[in-house]
Amino acid sequence: VEVVMKRSMGFKAVWISYVIPLAILMIFLLTLQGLGFSELYAGLASALAVVGYYLVIYLFREKIADKFVFKIAKNNI
């Protein structure tokens, strides 16, 4: 059995799970360091921002799940 989905859904999943959190982390980190915060506090705040992002994703998981459709294909091995 092979589970398949559209390529565009795979790209959307990568954006939601990796690219956006990385952007949030970098924006917070660079902004806070630019404002004069120490690396420790800037790093902790950046990590908390990413945790907050994933919390929002978790809270809206049902709405997000509706946009992803998986299909089962018979494997011809």
C-alpha atoms as a PDB file:
ATOM      1  CA  VAL A   1       0.000   0.000   0.000  1.00  0.00           C
ATOM      2  CA  GLU A   2       1.277   3.430  -0.906  1.00  0.00           C
ATOM      3  CA  VAL A   3      -0.077   6.685   0.528  1.00  0.00           C
ATOM      4  CA  VAL A   4       0.072   9.527  -1.987  1.00  0.00           C
ATOM      5  CA  MET A   5      -0.807  13.206  -2.056  1.00  0.00           C
ATOM      6  CA  LYS A   6      -0.420  16.108  -4.460  1.00  0.00           C
ATOM      7  CA  ARG A   7       3.020  17.644  -4.701  1.00  0.00           C
ATOM      8  CA  SER A   8       1.607  21.075  -3.835  1.00  0.00           C
ATOM      9  CA  MET A   9       0.311  19.701  -0.527  1.00  0.00           C
ATOM     10  CA  GLY A  10       3.784  18.419   0.264  1.00  0.00           C
ATOM     11  CA  PHE A  11       5.259  21.848  -0.366  1.00  0.00           C
ATOM     12  CA  LYS A  12       2.569  23.424   1.808  1.00  0.00           C
ATOM     13  CA  ALA A  13       3.419  20.992   4.609  1.00  0.00           C
ATOM     14  CA  VAL A  14       7.115  21.884   4.339  1.00  0.00           C
ATOM     15  CA  TRP A  15       6.293  25.611   4.518  1.00  0.00           C
ATOM     16  CA  ILE A  16       4.024  25.173   7.543  1.00  0.00           C
ATOM     17  CA  SER A  17       6.360  22.900   9.470  1.00  0.00           C
ATOM     18  CA  TYR A  18       9.850  24.173   8.570  1.00  0.00           C
ATOM     19  CA  VAL A  19      10.130  27.377   6.553  1.00  0.00           C
ATOM     20  CA  ILE A  20       7.737  29.620   8.490  1.00  0.00           C
ATOM     21  CA  PRO A  21       9.086  28.587  11.930  1.00  0.00           C
ATOM     22  CA  LEU A  22      12.646  29.194  10.734  1.00  0.00           C
ATOM     23  CA  ALA A  23      11.669  32.644   9.463  1.00  0.00           C
ATOM     24  CA  ILE A  24       9.978  33.453  12.785  1.00  0.00           C
ATOM     25  CA  LEU A  25      13.049  32.292  14.683  1.00  0.00           C
ATOM     26  CA  MET A  26      15.459  34.342  12.586  1.00  0.00           C
ATOM     27  CA  ILE A  27      13.303  37.479  12.565  1.00  0.00           C
ATOM     28  CA  PHE A  28      12.878  37.422  16.339  1.00  0.00           C
ATOM     29  CA  LEU A  29      16.516  36.591  16.977  1.00  0.00           C
ATOM     30  CA  LEU A  30      17.976  39.264  14.707  1.00  0.00           C
ATOM     31  CA  THR A  31      15.456  41.919  15.757  1.00  0.00           C
ATOM     32  CA  LEU A  32      15.971  41.370  19.473  1.00  0.00           C
ATOM     33  CA  GLN A  33      19.748  41.318  19.137  1.00  0.00           C
ATOM     34  CA  GLY A  34      19.537  44.494  17.083  1.00  0.00           C
ATOM     35  CA  LEU A  35      17.548  46.095  19.886  1.00  0.00           C
ATOM     36  CA  GLY A  36      20.362  45.300  22.313  1.00  0.00           C
ATOM     37  CA  PHE A  37      19.068  42.192  24.073  1.00  0.00           C
ATOM     38  CA  SER A  38      21.653  39.638  25.130  1.00  0.00           C
ATOM     39  CA  GLU A  39      22.017  36.474  23.073  1.00  0.00           C
ATOM     40  CA  LEU A  40      20.486  34.424  25.874  1.00  0.00           C
ATOM     41  CA  TYR A  41      17.277  36.443  26.098  1.00  0.00           C
ATOM     42  CA  ALA A  42      17.026  36.876  22.352  1.00  0.00           C
ATOM     43  CA  GLY A  43      17.433  33.115  21.880  1.00  0.00           C
ATOM     44  CA  LEU A  44      14.890  32.258  24.560  1.00  0.00           C
ATOM     45  CA  ALA A  45      12.342  34.729  23.194  1.00  0.00           C
ATOM     46  CA  SER A  46      12.885  33.413  19.668  1.00  0.00           C
ATOM     47  CA  ALA A  47      12.369  29.840  20.819  1.00  0.00           C
ATOM     48  CA  LEU A  48       9.200  30.855  22.663  1.00  0.00           C
ATOM     49  CA  ALA A  49       7.934  32.573  19.509  1.00  0.00           C
ATOM     50  CA  VAL A  50       8.389  29.328  17.572  1.00  0.00           C
ATOM     51  CA  VAL A  51       6.664  27.377  20.349  1.00  0.00           C
ATOM     52  CA  GLY A  52       3.799  29.863  20.124  1.00  0.00           C
ATOM     53  CA  TYR A  53       3.615  29.318  16.360  1.00  0.00           C
ATOM     54  CA  TYR A  54       3.412  25.544  16.796  1.00  0.00           C
ATOM     55  CA  LEU A  55       0.766  26.013  19.491  1.00  0.00           C
ATOM     56  CA  VAL A  56      -1.350  28.012  17.036  1.00  0.00           C
ATOM     57  CA  ILE A  57      -0.842  25.294  14.409  1.00  0.00           C
ATOM     58  CA  TYR A  58      -1.938  22.711  16.983  1.00  0.00           C
ATOM     59  CA  LEU A  59      -5.053  24.678  17.886  1.00  0.00           C
ATOM     60  CA  PHE A  60      -6.039  24.984  14.212  1.00  0.00           C
ATOM     61  CA  ARG A  61      -5.024  21.424  13.305  1.00  0.00           C
ATOM     62  CA  GLU A  62      -8.525  20.368  12.239  1.00  0.00           C
ATOM     63  CA  LYS A  63      -8.899  23.335   9.907  1.00  0.00           C
ATOM     64  CA  ILE A  64      -5.438  22.702   8.457  1.00  0.00           C
ATOM     65  CA  ALA A  65      -6.091  18.961   8.136  1.00  0.00           C
ATOM     66  CA  ASP A  66      -9.084  19.645   5.902  1.00  0.00           C
ATOM     67  CA  LYS A  67      -6.713  21.103   3.301  1.00  0.00           C
ATOM     68  CA  PHE A  68      -4.611  17.929   3.096  1.00  0.00           C
ATOM     69  CA  VAL A  69      -6.049  14.972   1.199  1.00  0.00           C
ATOM     70  CA  PHE A  70      -4.293  11.633   1.154  1.00  0.00           C
ATOM     71  CA  LYS A  71      -5.072   8.786  -1.202  1.00  0.00           C
ATOM     72  CA  ILE A  72      -4.146   5.130  -1.014  1.00  0.00           C
ATOM     73  CA  ALA A  73      -2.660   3.600  -4.144  1.00  0.00           C
ATOM     74  CA  LYS A  74      -2.115  -0.081  -4.704  1.00  0.00           C
ATOM     75  CA  ASN A  75       1.572  -0.932  -4.794  1.00  0.00           C
ATOM     76  CA  ASN A  76       2.325  -3.175  -7.788  1.00  0.00           C
ATOM     77  CA  ILE A  77       5.450  -4.883  -6.475  1.00  0.00           C
END
